[in-house]
C-alpha atoms as a PDB file:
ATOM      1  CA  MET A   1      99.079  59.730 104.599  1.00  0.00           C
ATOM      2  CA  ILE A   2      97.025  61.190 107.620  1.00  0.00           C
ATOM      3  CA  LEU A   3      96.509  65.022 107.820  1.00  0.00           C
ATOM      4  CA  THR A   4      94.827  66.070 111.181  1.00  0.00           C
ATOM      5  CA  VAL A   5      93.756  69.705 111.249  1.00  0.00           C
ATOM      6  CA  VAL A   6      92.852  70.968 114.716  1.00  0.00           C
ATOM      7  CA  ASP A   7      90.740  74.101 114.470  1.00  0.00           C
ATOM      8  CA  GLY A   8      91.798  77.008 116.431  1.00  0.00           C
ATOM      9  CA  LEU A   9      95.152  75.510 117.568  1.00  0.00           C
ATOM     10  CA  ASN A  10      97.758  78.259 117.684  1.00  0.00           C
ATOM     11  CA  TYR A  11     101.461  77.381 118.095  1.00  0.00           C
ATOM     12  CA  HIS A  12     101.277  78.816 121.786  1.00  0.00           C
ATOM     13  CA  LEU A  13      98.814  76.076 122.937  1.00  0.00           C
ATOM     14  CA  PHE A  14     100.748  73.365 121.023  1.00  0.00           C
ATOM     15  CA  GLU A  15     103.707  74.327 122.977  1.00  0.00           C
ATOM     16  CA  GLN A  16     101.961  72.975 126.159  1.00  0.00           C
ATOM     17  CA  LEU A  17     102.010  69.645 124.703  1.00  0.00           C
ATOM     18  CA  LEU A  18     105.805  69.918 124.035  1.00  0.00           C
ATOM     19  CA  SER A  19     106.367  71.292 127.692  1.00  0.00           C
ATOM     20  CA  ARG A  20     104.285  68.025 129.132  1.00  0.00           C
ATOM     21  CA  VAL A  21     106.623  65.879 126.912  1.00  0.00           C
ATOM     22  CA  LEU A  22     109.678  67.448 128.281  1.00  0.00           C
ATOM     23  CA  LYS A  23     108.316  67.219 131.897  1.00  0.00           C
ATOM     24  CA  HIS A  24     107.590  63.458 131.733  1.00  0.00           C
ATOM     25  CA  GLY A  25     110.606  62.550 129.529  1.00  0.00           C
ATOM     26  CA  GLN A  26     110.558  59.066 128.122  1.00  0.00           C
ATOM     27  CA  PHE A  27     107.500  58.117 130.418  1.00  0.00           C
ATOM     28  CA  SER A  28     105.465  60.577 128.053  1.00  0.00           C
ATOM     29  CA  LEU A  29     103.141  58.827 125.564  1.00  0.00           C
ATOM     30  CA  TRP A  30     104.378  61.373 122.896  1.00  0.00           C
ATOM     31  CA  ALA A  31     108.032  60.984 123.715  1.00  0.00           C
ATOM     32  CA  PRO A  32     108.916  58.513 120.931  1.00  0.00           C
ATOM     33  CA  ILE A  33     106.613  60.443 118.266  1.00  0.00           C
ATOM     34  CA  ILE A  34     108.381  63.800 119.206  1.00  0.00           C
ATOM     35  CA  ASP A  35     111.863  62.212 119.077  1.00  0.00           C
ATOM     36  CA  ASN A  36     111.096  61.174 115.404  1.00  0.00           C
ATOM     37  CA  ALA A  37     109.235  64.101 114.273  1.00  0.00           C
ATOM     38  CA  ILE A  38     109.683  67.261 112.417  1.00  0.00           C
ATOM     39  CA  LEU A  39     108.482  70.225 114.079  1.00  0.00           C
ATOM     40  CA  ALA A  40     107.877  73.775 112.579  1.00  0.00           C
ATOM     41  CA  THR A  41     105.705  76.776 112.739  1.00  0.00           C
ATOM     42  CA  LEU A  42     103.495  77.737 109.688  1.00  0.00           C
ATOM     43  CA  THR A  43     101.369  80.829 109.335  1.00  0.00           C
ATOM     44  CA  SER A  44      97.890  80.624 108.364  1.00  0.00           C
ATOM     45  CA  VAL A  45      96.306  82.441 105.448  1.00  0.00           C
ATOM     46  CA  CYS A  46      94.517  85.770 105.475  1.00  0.00           C
ATOM     47  CA  PRO A  47      91.973  86.040 106.696  1.00  0.00           C
ATOM     48  CA  SER A  48      92.875  83.547 109.442  1.00  0.00           C
ATOM     49  CA  THR A  49      89.589  81.710 109.347  1.00  0.00           C
ATOM     50  CA  THR A  50      88.139  78.254 108.821  1.00  0.00           C
ATOM     51  CA  ALA A  51      86.523  78.932 105.343  1.00  0.00           C
ATOM     52  CA  ALA A  52      89.555  80.409 103.879  1.00  0.00           C
ATOM     53  CA  ALA A  53      92.152  78.131 105.365  1.00  0.00           C
ATOM     54  CA  LEU A  54      90.445  74.694 104.683  1.00  0.00           C
ATOM     55  CA  THR A  55      89.675  76.025 100.984  1.00  0.00           C
ATOM     56  CA  THR A  56      93.628  76.454 100.667  1.00  0.00           C
ATOM     57  CA  LEU A  57      94.180  72.887 102.113  1.00  0.00           C
ATOM     58  CA  TRP A  58      91.805  71.277  99.876  1.00  0.00           C
ATOM     59  CA  THR A  59      92.766  73.211  96.631  1.00  0.00           C
ATOM     60  CA  GLY A  60      96.430  74.098  97.141  1.00  0.00           C
ATOM     61  CA  LYS A  61      95.441  77.800  96.223  1.00  0.00           C
ATOM     62  CA  GLN A  62      96.026  81.168  98.115  1.00  0.00           C
ATOM     63  CA  PRO A  63      92.830  83.181  99.046  1.00  0.00           C
ATOM     64  CA  ALA A  64      93.537  85.544  96.401  1.00  0.00           C
ATOM     65  CA  GLU A  65      93.132  82.737  93.963  1.00  0.00           C
ATOM     66  CA  HIS A  66      90.248  80.664  95.408  1.00  0.00           C
ATOM     67  CA  ALA A  67      88.232  83.583  96.375  1.00  0.00           C
ATOM     68  CA  VAL A  68      86.900  82.059  99.665  1.00  0.00           C
ATOM     69  CA  ILE A  69      87.724  85.286 101.860  1.00  0.00           C
ATOM     70  CA  GLY A  70      85.801  85.086 105.002  1.00  0.00           C
ATOM     71  CA  TYR A  71      83.444  83.807 107.367  1.00  0.00           C
ATOM     72  CA  GLU A  72      80.733  85.915 105.621  1.00  0.00           C
ATOM     73  CA  MET A  73      80.767  86.789 101.767  1.00  0.00           C
ATOM     74  CA  TRP A  74      78.868  89.023  99.564  1.00  0.00           C
ATOM     75  CA  LEU A  75      78.206  86.818  96.567  1.00  0.00           C
ATOM     76  CA  LYS A  76      76.864  89.040  93.759  1.00  0.00           C
ATOM     77  CA  GLU A  77      76.153  86.350  91.413  1.00  0.00           C
ATOM     78  CA  TYR A  78      73.470  85.177  93.796  1.00  0.00           C
ATOM     79  CA  GLY A  79      72.593  88.177  95.210  1.00  0.00           C
ATOM     80  CA  VAL A  80      73.077  87.196  98.837  1.00  0.00           C
ATOM     81  CA  LEU A  81      75.360  87.818 101.786  1.00  0.00           C
ATOM     82  CA  ALA A  82      76.314  84.238 102.670  1.00  0.00           C
ATOM     83  CA  ASN A  83      77.760  82.434 105.765  1.00  0.00           C
ATOM     84  CA  MET A  84      80.431  80.269 104.082  1.00  0.00           C
ATOM     85  CA  ILE A  85      80.474  77.677 106.750  1.00  0.00           C
ATOM     86  CA  THR A  86      76.830  76.708 106.827  1.00  0.00           C
ATOM     87  CA  HIS A  87      75.927  77.995 103.248  1.00  0.00           C
ATOM     88  CA  SER A  88      73.082  80.087 104.951  1.00  0.00           C
ATOM     89  CA  PHE A  89      71.922  83.543 104.614  1.00  0.00           C
ATOM     90  CA  ALA A  90      74.443  85.607 106.895  1.00  0.00           C
ATOM     91  CA  GLY A  91      71.643  86.626 108.965  1.00  0.00           C
ATOM     92  CA  ASN A  92      70.344  83.160 109.757  1.00  0.00           C
ATOM     93  CA  ILE A  93      72.915  80.495 110.127  1.00  0.00           C
ATOM     94  CA  ASN A  94      70.514  78.010 111.473  1.00  0.00           C
ATOM     95  CA  GLU A  95      68.778  77.573 108.216  1.00  0.00           C
ATOM     96  CA  ILE A  96      71.685  75.555 106.927  1.00  0.00           C
ATOM     97  CA  GLY A  97      71.882  75.411 103.256  1.00  0.00           C
ATOM     98  CA  SER A  98      69.410  78.262 102.680  1.00  0.00           C
ATOM     99  CA  ILE A  99      71.363  80.057  99.873  1.00  0.00           C
ATOM    100  CA  TYR A 100      70.908  76.902  97.766  1.00  0.00           C
ATOM    101  CA  LYS A 101      67.417  78.512  97.065  1.00  0.00           C
ATOM    102  CA  SER A 102      69.149  81.142  95.408  1.00  0.00           C
ATOM    103  CA  GLY A 103      70.727  78.719  92.861  1.00  0.00           C
ATOM    104  CA  PHE A 104      74.125  78.138  94.890  1.00  0.00           C
ATOM    105  CA  GLU A 105      75.467  75.033  94.095  1.00  0.00           C
ATOM    106  CA  PRO A 106      78.235  73.881  96.398  1.00  0.00           C
ATOM    107  CA  ASP A 107      80.062  71.499  94.206  1.00  0.00           C
ATOM    108  CA  LYS A 108      80.287  73.831  91.281  1.00  0.00           C
ATOM    109  CA  PHE A 109      80.874  77.092  93.132  1.00  0.00           C
ATOM    110  CA  LEU A 110      84.828  77.134  93.365  1.00  0.00           C
ATOM    111  CA  SER A 111      86.718  78.276  90.172  1.00  0.00           C
ATOM    112  CA  VAL A 112      89.683  76.319  91.155  1.00  0.00           C
ATOM    113  CA  PRO A 113      89.824  72.433  91.327  1.00  0.00           C
ATOM    114  CA  THR A 114      89.859  70.480  94.755  1.00  0.00           C
ATOM    115  CA  ILE A 115      92.310  67.681  95.369  1.00  0.00           C
ATOM    116  CA  GLY A 116      89.675  64.872  95.983  1.00  0.00           C
ATOM    117  CA  PRO A 117      89.401  64.156  92.064  1.00  0.00           C
ATOM    118  CA  LYS A 118      93.062  64.327  91.664  1.00  0.00           C
ATOM    119  CA  LEU A 119      93.594  61.671  94.500  1.00  0.00           C
ATOM    120  CA  LYS A 120      90.712  59.409  92.842  1.00  0.00           C
ATOM    121  CA  HIS A 121      92.718  59.688  89.483  1.00  0.00           C
ATOM    122  CA  LYS A 122      95.930  58.536  91.106  1.00  0.00           C
ATOM    123  CA  LYS A 123      93.716  55.675  92.520  1.00  0.00           C
ATOM    124  CA  ILE A 124      94.340  56.763  96.278  1.00  0.00           C
ATOM    125  CA  ASN A 125      91.476  56.056  98.338  1.00  0.00           C
ATOM    126  CA  ALA A 126      90.560  59.464  99.978  1.00  0.00           C
ATOM    127  CA  TYR A 127      88.627  59.758 103.485  1.00  0.00           C
ATOM    128  CA  ALA A 128      87.317  62.802 105.250  1.00  0.00           C
ATOM    129  CA  TYR A 129      86.561  62.244 109.004  1.00  0.00           C
ATOM    130  CA  GLN A 130      84.460  64.979 110.767  1.00  0.00           C
ATOM    131  CA  HIS A 131      82.274  65.015 113.870  1.00  0.00           C
ATOM    132  CA  GLU A 132      78.647  63.845 113.141  1.00  0.00           C
ATOM    133  CA  SER A 133      77.379  67.454 114.275  1.00  0.00           C
ATOM    134  CA  ILE A 134      79.010  68.887 111.048  1.00  0.00           C
ATOM    135  CA  TYR A 135      79.172  65.832 108.794  1.00  0.00           C
ATOM    136  CA  LYS A 136      78.416  66.780 105.233  1.00  0.00           C
ATOM    137  CA  SER A 137      78.057  70.436 106.354  1.00  0.00           C
ATOM    138  CA  GLY A 138      77.960  73.046 103.448  1.00  0.00           C
ATOM    139  CA  LEU A 139      81.741  73.903 103.398  1.00  0.00           C
ATOM    140  CA  SER A 140      82.411  70.170 103.455  1.00  0.00           C
ATOM    141  CA  THR A 141      80.221  69.575 100.609  1.00  0.00           C
ATOM    142  CA  MET A 142      82.128  72.459  98.595  1.00  0.00           C
ATOM    143  CA  LEU A 143      85.528  71.117  99.343  1.00  0.00           C
ATOM    144  CA  MET A 144      85.464  67.208  99.920  1.00  0.00           C
ATOM    145  CA  GLN A 145      84.416  66.132  96.317  1.00  0.00           C
ATOM    146  CA  GLU A 146      84.985  62.526  95.268  1.00  0.00           C
ATOM    147  CA  VAL A 147      86.035  61.822  98.947  1.00  0.00           C
ATOM    148  CA  ARG A 148      84.473  59.340 101.249  1.00  0.00           C
ATOM    149  CA  ASN A 149      82.935  61.237 104.173  1.00  0.00           C
ATOM    150  CA  ILE A 150      82.830  59.473 107.548  1.00  0.00           C
ATOM    151  CA  SER A 151      81.297  60.816 110.655  1.00  0.00           C
ATOM    152  CA  TYR A 152      82.400  59.881 114.186  1.00  0.00           C
ATOM    153  CA  ALA A 153      80.763  60.240 117.676  1.00  0.00           C
ATOM    154  CA  ASN A 154      83.832  60.634 119.883  1.00  0.00           C
ATOM    155  CA  PHE A 155      87.627  60.249 119.720  1.00  0.00           C
ATOM    156  CA  GLN A 156      87.351  56.383 120.287  1.00  0.00           C
ATOM    157  CA  ASP A 157      85.236  56.016 117.233  1.00  0.00           C
ATOM    158  CA  LEU A 158      87.425  58.188 115.273  1.00  0.00           C
ATOM    159  CA  TRP A 159      90.678  56.497 115.774  1.00  0.00           C
ATOM    160  CA  PHE A 160      89.118  53.046 115.335  1.00  0.00           C
ATOM    161  CA  SER A 161      87.687  53.987 112.079  1.00  0.00           C
ATOM    162  CA  VAL A 162      90.857  55.451 110.816  1.00  0.00           C
ATOM    163  CA  ASP A 163      92.823  52.490 111.618  1.00  0.00           C
ATOM    164  CA  LYS A 164      90.354  50.115 110.384  1.00  0.00           C
ATOM    165  CA  ASN A 165      89.947  51.839 106.957  1.00  0.00           C
ATOM    166  CA  ILE A 166      93.849  52.105 106.501  1.00  0.00           C
ATOM    167  CA  ARG A 167      94.430  48.503 107.201  1.00  0.00           C
ATOM    168  CA  LEU A 168      91.478  47.300 104.998  1.00  0.00           C
ATOM    169  CA  SER A 169      92.575  49.307 101.814  1.00  0.00           C
ATOM    170  CA  LYS A 170      94.292  47.579  99.169  1.00  0.00           C
ATOM    171  CA  ASP A 171      95.429  50.961  97.639  1.00  0.00           C
ATOM    172  CA  LYS A 172      97.114  54.108  99.075  1.00  0.00           C
ATOM    173  CA  THR A 173      95.056  56.130 101.264  1.00  0.00           C
ATOM    174  CA  TYR A 174      94.776  59.821 102.109  1.00  0.00           C
ATOM    175  CA  SER A 175      92.803  60.411 105.474  1.00  0.00           C
ATOM    176  CA  TYR A 176      91.848  63.888 106.385  1.00  0.00           C
ATOM    177  CA  ILE A 177      90.801  64.383 110.101  1.00  0.00           C
ATOM    178  CA  TYR A 178      89.188  67.563 111.335  1.00  0.00           C
ATOM    179  CA  TRP A 179      88.554  68.411 115.017  1.00  0.00           C
ATOM    180  CA  GLY A 180      86.648  71.525 115.650  1.00  0.00           C
ATOM    181  CA  ASP A 181      85.637  71.492 119.359  1.00  0.00           C
ATOM    182  CA  LEU A 182      88.912  73.338 120.308  1.00  0.00           C
ATOM    183  CA  ASP A 183      87.982  76.575 118.348  1.00  0.00           C
ATOM    184  CA  THR A 184      84.362  76.294 119.518  1.00  0.00           C
ATOM    185  CA  LEU A 185      85.526  76.224 123.306  1.00  0.00           C
ATOM    186  CA  SER A 186      87.849  78.970 122.794  1.00  0.00           C
ATOM    187  CA  HIS A 187      85.229  81.173 121.250  1.00  0.00           C
ATOM    188  CA  HIS A 188      83.088  80.710 124.473  1.00  0.00           C
ATOM    189  CA  VAL A 189      85.679  80.784 127.241  1.00  0.00           C
ATOM    190  CA  GLY A 190      88.764  82.255 125.533  1.00  0.00           C
ATOM    191  CA  PRO A 191      91.806  80.450 123.949  1.00  0.00           C
ATOM    192  CA  GLN A 192      93.930  80.939 127.269  1.00  0.00           C
ATOM    193  CA  ASP A 193      91.354  79.264 129.581  1.00  0.00           C
ATOM    194  CA  GLU A 194      92.285  76.107 131.416  1.00  0.00           C
ATOM    195  CA  ARG A 195      89.464  74.258 129.995  1.00  0.00           C
ATOM    196  CA  VAL A 196      90.947  74.705 126.361  1.00  0.00           C
ATOM    197  CA  ILE A 197      94.316  73.297 127.491  1.00  0.00           C
ATOM    198  CA  GLN A 198      92.544  70.338 129.028  1.00  0.00           C
ATOM    199  CA  ALA A 199      90.446  69.713 125.974  1.00  0.00           C
ATOM    200  CA  TRP A 200      93.672  69.801 123.864  1.00  0.00           C
ATOM    201  CA  PHE A 201      95.437  67.144 126.194  1.00  0.00           C
ATOM    202  CA  SER A 202      92.504  64.767 126.147  1.00  0.00           C
ATOM    203  CA  PHE A 203      92.692  64.935 122.141  1.00  0.00           C
ATOM    204  CA  CYS A 204      96.372  64.464 122.436  1.00  0.00           C
ATOM    205  CA  ASP A 205      96.080  61.382 124.741  1.00  0.00           C
ATOM    206  CA  LEU A 206      94.010  59.233 122.570  1.00  0.00           C
ATOM    207  CA  LEU A 207      95.990  60.690 119.274  1.00  0.00           C
ATOM    208  CA  GLY A 208      99.080  59.510 120.950  1.00  0.00           C
ATOM    209  CA  GLN A 209      97.668  55.987 121.762  1.00  0.00           C
ATOM    210  CA  PHE A 210      96.685  55.824 118.008  1.00  0.00           C
ATOM    211  CA  LEU A 211     100.205  56.932 116.621  1.00  0.00           C
ATOM    212  CA  ASN A 212     102.073  54.568 118.717  1.00  0.00           C
ATOM    213  CA  LYS A 213      99.703  51.771 117.574  1.00  0.00           C
ATOM    214  CA  MET A 214     100.346  52.623 114.059  1.00  0.00           C
ATOM    215  CA  ARG A 215     104.273  52.911 114.820  1.00  0.00           C
ATOM    216  CA  THR A 216     104.457  49.645 116.634  1.00  0.00           C
ATOM    217  CA  GLN A 217     102.114  47.563 114.353  1.00  0.00           C
ATOM    218  CA  PRO A 218     103.130  49.020 111.037  1.00  0.00           C
ATOM    219  CA  ILE A 219     101.196  48.413 107.804  1.00  0.00           C
ATOM    220  CA  GLY A 220     103.618  50.059 105.582  1.00  0.00           C
ATOM    221  CA  ARG A 221     104.852  53.547 105.428  1.00  0.00           C
ATOM    222  CA  THR A 222     102.569  56.170 106.745  1.00  0.00           C
ATOM    223  CA  LEU A 223     103.168  59.776 106.979  1.00  0.00           C
ATOM    224  CA  PHE A 224     101.388  61.732 109.754  1.00  0.00           C
ATOM    225  CA  LEU A 225     101.041  65.269 109.622  1.00  0.00           C
ATOM    226  CA  LEU A 226      99.399  67.734 112.204  1.00  0.00           C
ATOM    227  CA  THR A 227      98.526  71.385 111.904  1.00  0.00           C
ATOM    228  CA  ALA A 228      95.621  73.915 112.250  1.00  0.00           C
ATOM    229  CA  ASP A 229      93.559  76.313 110.050  1.00  0.00           C
ATOM    230  CA  HIS A 230      94.433  79.312 112.349  1.00  0.00           C
ATOM    231  CA  GLY A 231      94.868  80.385 115.855  1.00  0.00           C
ATOM    232  CA  GLN A 232      92.726  82.435 118.380  1.00  0.00           C
ATOM    233  CA  ILE A 233      93.274  85.551 120.634  1.00  0.00           C
ATOM    234  CA  ALA A 234      91.550  86.498 123.621  1.00  0.00           C
ATOM    235  CA  THR A 235      88.940  89.078 123.374  1.00  0.00           C
ATOM    236  CA  GLU A 236      86.268  90.461 125.888  1.00  0.00           C
ATOM    237  CA  PRO A 237      82.736  91.622 124.624  1.00  0.00           C
ATOM    238  CA  ASN A 238      82.644  95.341 124.583  1.00  0.00           C
ATOM    239  CA  PRO A 239      79.696  97.479 123.476  1.00  0.00           C
ATOM    240  CA  ILE A 240      82.212 100.060 122.015  1.00  0.00           C
ATOM    241  CA  TYR A 241      82.838  97.855 119.150  1.00  0.00           C
ATOM    242  CA  ASP A 242      79.019  96.677 118.548  1.00  0.00           C
ATOM    243  CA  LEU A 243      78.017  98.459 115.342  1.00  0.00           C
ATOM    244  CA  LYS A 244      74.440  98.856 116.537  1.00  0.00           C
ATOM    245  CA  ASN A 245      75.771 101.743 118.763  1.00  0.00           C
ATOM    246  CA  HIS A 246      77.232 103.435 115.798  1.00  0.00           C
ATOM    247  CA  PRO A 247      74.533 104.227 113.316  1.00  0.00           C
ATOM    248  CA  TYR A 248      76.310 107.167 111.779  1.00  0.00           C
ATOM    249  CA  LEU A 249      78.714 104.546 110.498  1.00  0.00           C
ATOM    250  CA  THR A 250      76.218 101.765 109.407  1.00  0.00           C
ATOM    251  CA  GLU A 251      74.069 104.547 107.613  1.00  0.00           C
ATOM    252  CA  ARG A 252      76.935 105.212 105.288  1.00  0.00           C
ATOM    253  CA  LEU A 253      77.294 101.407 104.386  1.00  0.00           C
ATOM    254  CA  ILE A 254      75.307  99.862 101.414  1.00  0.00           C
ATOM    255  CA  MET A 255      74.957  96.546 103.584  1.00  0.00           C
ATOM    256  CA  GLN A 256      76.231  95.301 106.781  1.00  0.00           C
ATOM    257  CA  PRO A 257      80.096  94.452 106.818  1.00  0.00           C
ATOM    258  CA  SER A 258      81.323  91.074 105.581  1.00  0.00           C
ATOM    259  CA  GLY A 259      84.444  89.106 106.062  1.00  0.00           C
ATOM    260  CA  GLU A 260      85.397  88.741 109.609  1.00  0.00           C
ATOM    261  CA  GLY A 261      84.986  90.785 112.902  1.00  0.00           C
ATOM    262  CA  ARG A 262      88.625  91.062 112.981  1.00  0.00           C
ATOM    263  CA  ILE A 263      88.994  91.998 109.243  1.00  0.00           C
ATOM    264  CA  PRO A 264      85.702  93.231 107.982  1.00  0.00           C
ATOM    265  CA  TYR A 265      84.881  94.380 104.456  1.00  0.00           C
ATOM    266  CA  LEU A 266      83.128  97.433 103.712  1.00  0.00           C
ATOM    267  CA  PHE A 267      80.745  98.321 100.827  1.00  0.00           C
ATOM    268  CA  VAL A 268      80.363 102.224 101.084  1.00  0.00           C
ATOM    269  CA  HIS A 269      77.865 104.435  99.789  1.00  0.00           C
ATOM    270  CA  GLN A 270      79.158 106.798  97.050  1.00  0.00           C
ATOM    271  CA  ASP A 271      80.872 109.866  98.373  1.00  0.00           C
ATOM    272  CA  LYS A 272      80.733 108.570 102.042  1.00  0.00           C
ATOM    273  CA  ALA A 273      84.265 107.020 102.317  1.00  0.00           C
ATOM    274  CA  ALA A 274      85.711 110.161 103.970  1.00  0.00           C
ATOM    275  CA  ASP A 275      82.854 110.090 106.559  1.00  0.00           C
ATOM    276  CA  ILE A 276      83.666 106.668 107.610  1.00  0.00           C
ATOM    277  CA  THR A 277      87.507 107.130 108.008  1.00  0.00           C
ATOM    278  CA  GLN A 278      87.144 110.358 109.895  1.00  0.00           C
ATOM    279  CA  TYR A 279      84.482 108.621 112.233  1.00  0.00           C
ATOM    280  CA  CYS A 280      86.638 105.720 112.750  1.00  0.00           C
ATOM    281  CA  ALA A 281      89.658 107.852 113.691  1.00  0.00           C
ATOM    282  CA  GLN A 282      87.648 109.963 116.224  1.00  0.00           C
ATOM    283  CA  THR A 283      85.755 107.192 117.793  1.00  0.00           C
ATOM    284  CA  TRP A 284      88.461 104.514 117.989  1.00  0.00           C
ATOM    285  CA  PRO A 285      91.714 106.547 117.623  1.00  0.00           C
ATOM    286  CA  ASN A 286      94.798 104.211 116.605  1.00  0.00           C
ATOM    287  CA  GLN A 287      92.591 101.042 116.917  1.00  0.00           C
ATOM    288  CA  PHE A 288      91.595 100.367 113.177  1.00  0.00           C
ATOM    289  CA  GLN A 289      93.586 101.007 110.018  1.00  0.00           C
ATOM    290  CA  ILE A 290      91.033 101.414 106.980  1.00  0.00           C
ATOM    291  CA  MET A 291      92.498 100.491 103.622  1.00  0.00           C
ATOM    292  CA  THR A 292      91.234 100.668 100.038  1.00  0.00           C
ATOM    293  CA  LYS A 293      90.912  97.370  98.249  1.00  0.00           C
ATOM    294  CA  GLU A 294      93.553  98.440  95.793  1.00  0.00           C
ATOM    295  CA  ARG A 295      96.145  98.819  98.543  1.00  0.00           C
ATOM    296  CA  PHE A 296      94.890  95.731 100.277  1.00  0.00           C
ATOM    297  CA  LEU A 297      95.342  93.519  97.020  1.00  0.00           C
ATOM    298  CA  ASP A 298      98.874  95.326  96.307  1.00  0.00           C
ATOM    299  CA  SER A 299     100.031  94.348  99.781  1.00  0.00           C
ATOM    300  CA  LYS A 300      99.914  90.592  98.723  1.00  0.00           C
ATOM    301  CA  ILE A 301      98.470  89.781 101.981  1.00  0.00           C
ATOM    302  CA  LEU A 302      95.856  87.331 100.359  1.00  0.00           C
ATOM    303  CA  GLY A 303      98.469  85.654  98.295  1.00  0.00           C
ATOM    304  CA  ASP A 304     101.263  86.409  95.748  1.00  0.00           C
ATOM    305  CA  PHE A 305      99.272  85.507  92.699  1.00  0.00           C
ATOM    306  CA  PRO A 306      97.007  87.752  90.678  1.00  0.00           C
ATOM    307  CA  PRO A 307      93.412  87.929  92.591  1.00  0.00           C
ATOM    308  CA  ASN A 308      90.616  85.994  91.071  1.00  0.00           C
ATOM    309  CA  PRO A 309      87.950  88.404  89.727  1.00  0.00           C
ATOM    310  CA  LYS A 310      85.543  87.225  92.350  1.00  0.00           C
ATOM    311  CA  THR A 311      88.184  87.980  94.976  1.00  0.00           C
ATOM    312  CA  THR A 312      88.043  91.492  94.023  1.00  0.00           C
ATOM    313  CA  GLU A 313      84.517  91.753  93.733  1.00  0.00           C
ATOM    314  CA  ARG A 314      83.949  90.303  97.073  1.00  0.00           C
ATOM    315  CA  LEU A 315      86.195  92.545  99.077  1.00  0.00           C
ATOM    316  CA  GLY A 316      84.033  95.527  98.796  1.00  0.00           C
ATOM    317  CA  ASP A 317      85.410  99.071  98.861  1.00  0.00           C
ATOM    318  CA  PHE A 318      87.563  99.376 102.048  1.00  0.00           C
ATOM    319  CA  ILE A 319      89.019  96.674 104.365  1.00  0.00           C
ATOM    320  CA  VAL A 320      89.417  97.501 108.044  1.00  0.00           C
ATOM    321  CA  ILE A 321      92.725  96.108 109.937  1.00  0.00           C
ATOM    322  CA  PRO A 322      92.143  96.179 113.724  1.00  0.00           C
ATOM    323  CA  ALA A 323      95.154  96.543 116.001  1.00  0.00           C
ATOM    324  CA  GLU A 324      95.927  94.050 118.714  1.00  0.00           C
ATOM    325  CA  ASN A 325      92.540  92.422 119.837  1.00  0.00           C
ATOM    326  CA  LYS A 326      90.119  94.953 118.594  1.00  0.00           C
ATOM    327  CA  TYR A 327      87.223  93.913 116.551  1.00  0.00           C
ATOM    328  CA  TRP A 328      83.675  94.912 115.310  1.00  0.00           C
ATOM    329  CA  TRP A 329      80.629  93.122 115.834  1.00  0.00           C
ATOM    330  CA  TRP A 330      77.424  93.368 113.816  1.00  0.00           C
ATOM    331  CA  ALA A 331      75.620  90.330 114.268  1.00  0.00           C
ATOM    332  CA  ASN A 332      71.917  90.697 115.217  1.00  0.00           C
ATOM    333  CA  LYS A 333      72.463  88.830 118.736  1.00  0.00           C
ATOM    334  CA  GLU A 334      74.307  89.374 121.957  1.00  0.00           C
ATOM    335  CA  ASN A 335      78.067  89.414 121.675  1.00  0.00           C
ATOM    336  CA  GLN A 336      79.527  86.914 124.036  1.00  0.00           C
ATOM    337  CA  LEU A 337      82.762  85.748 122.376  1.00  0.00           C
ATOM    338  CA  GLN A 338      85.735  85.456 124.390  1.00  0.00           C
ATOM    339  CA  GLY A 339      88.132  84.454 121.790  1.00  0.00           C
ATOM    340  CA  ARG A 340      88.184  85.445 117.981  1.00  0.00           C
ATOM    341  CA  HIS A 341      90.371  84.916 114.914  1.00  0.00           C
ATOM    342  CA  GLY A 342      90.452  86.359 111.348  1.00  0.00           C
ATOM    343  CA  GLY A 343      93.030  88.859 111.933  1.00  0.00           C
ATOM    344  CA  LEU A 344      97.011  89.153 111.502  1.00  0.00           C
ATOM    345  CA  GLN A 345      97.902  88.996 115.120  1.00  0.00           C
ATOM    346  CA  GLN A 346     100.589  86.193 116.092  1.00  0.00           C
ATOM    347  CA  ASP A 347      98.366  83.921 117.938  1.00  0.00           C
ATOM    348  CA  GLU A 348      95.852  83.975 115.229  1.00  0.00           C
ATOM    349  CA  MET A 349      98.341  83.437 112.387  1.00  0.00           C
ATOM    350  CA  LEU A 350     100.909  81.045 113.744  1.00  0.00           C
ATOM    351  CA  VAL A 351     100.109  77.286 113.758  1.00  0.00           C
ATOM    352  CA  PRO A 352     102.232  74.043 114.400  1.00  0.00           C
ATOM    353  CA  PHE A 353     103.327  71.824 111.851  1.00  0.00           C
ATOM    354  CA  LEU A 354     104.341  68.353 112.869  1.00  0.00           C
ATOM    355  CA  ALA A 355     105.378  65.431 110.482  1.00  0.00           C
ATOM    356  CA  CYS A 356     106.501  61.979 111.319  1.00  0.00           C
ATOM    357  CA  GLN A 357     106.640  58.744 109.679  1.00  0.00           C
ATOM    358  CA  LEU A 358     104.957  55.762 111.409  1.00  0.00           C
END
């Protein structure tokens, strides 16, 4: 089995590939693949962000259960506000792994099992392919236990390695492939920019070549799956959403918000909740809905199962739900993002699902 996860690929962008296949007909590299594939639309998890979604993919649990509920989280047991991708202190993501100094152990952090040991028990060789820039990152170390991690330099290197390892293995294999450049580019230039579309097509061209090779030179039945962790929506930097310009609000918080800019979690000073809700209503009318933690959990938006106690602890007191493409920004650096995710809008939540037998 091969699972390819394209970070930041919403269904709208995936449809660009389908349109190109229709335009070129049987001359398209992807035509025989699409003709024999199952295509569907999936929803991401909430929050629609990499840390939460990949934890779901590697555990089979909903965010309410696995308790990884944002890009940044308050980890009470370690006394730190942590970045869950780099496992650094939230204020300094360049110090990768810095929260390990507080006793954080990535391979022991989750309270639910990951699939790597289960695959090993079934004598299935599991491989995880990631670009060399994020090879064995903090999140990867946490999720990919008992899995052989393999770095790649470019697409040619990636597909050569996948093909080689599958063909050399005497046992069944599970190949997890992660490509993150699309998400990074979308953040910088916006998810609708022509450069994002061209990057997606470049990825598809070499992927299509690999799939056709696997299809015409079979080595046994191989199931190929393609999906995404989340999509993105277009946003523009706007100082009105920068919390450094709203000291009245931040002074009523115990700490800076956590979670996502598209779904912030607030830890509020005692008796200051009314001040915050009133300020938001007056400053940003009809742009943000503020929910209590209890109401948010009752909505089942994090999953249908009873929440992990850590989930309840990490949500804070209030959750902010932005309308449309609104957001909050609180990082101690200039806001330059043209694309964001984490919220509940269609292009954040709807991702493609493609399945075919090679």
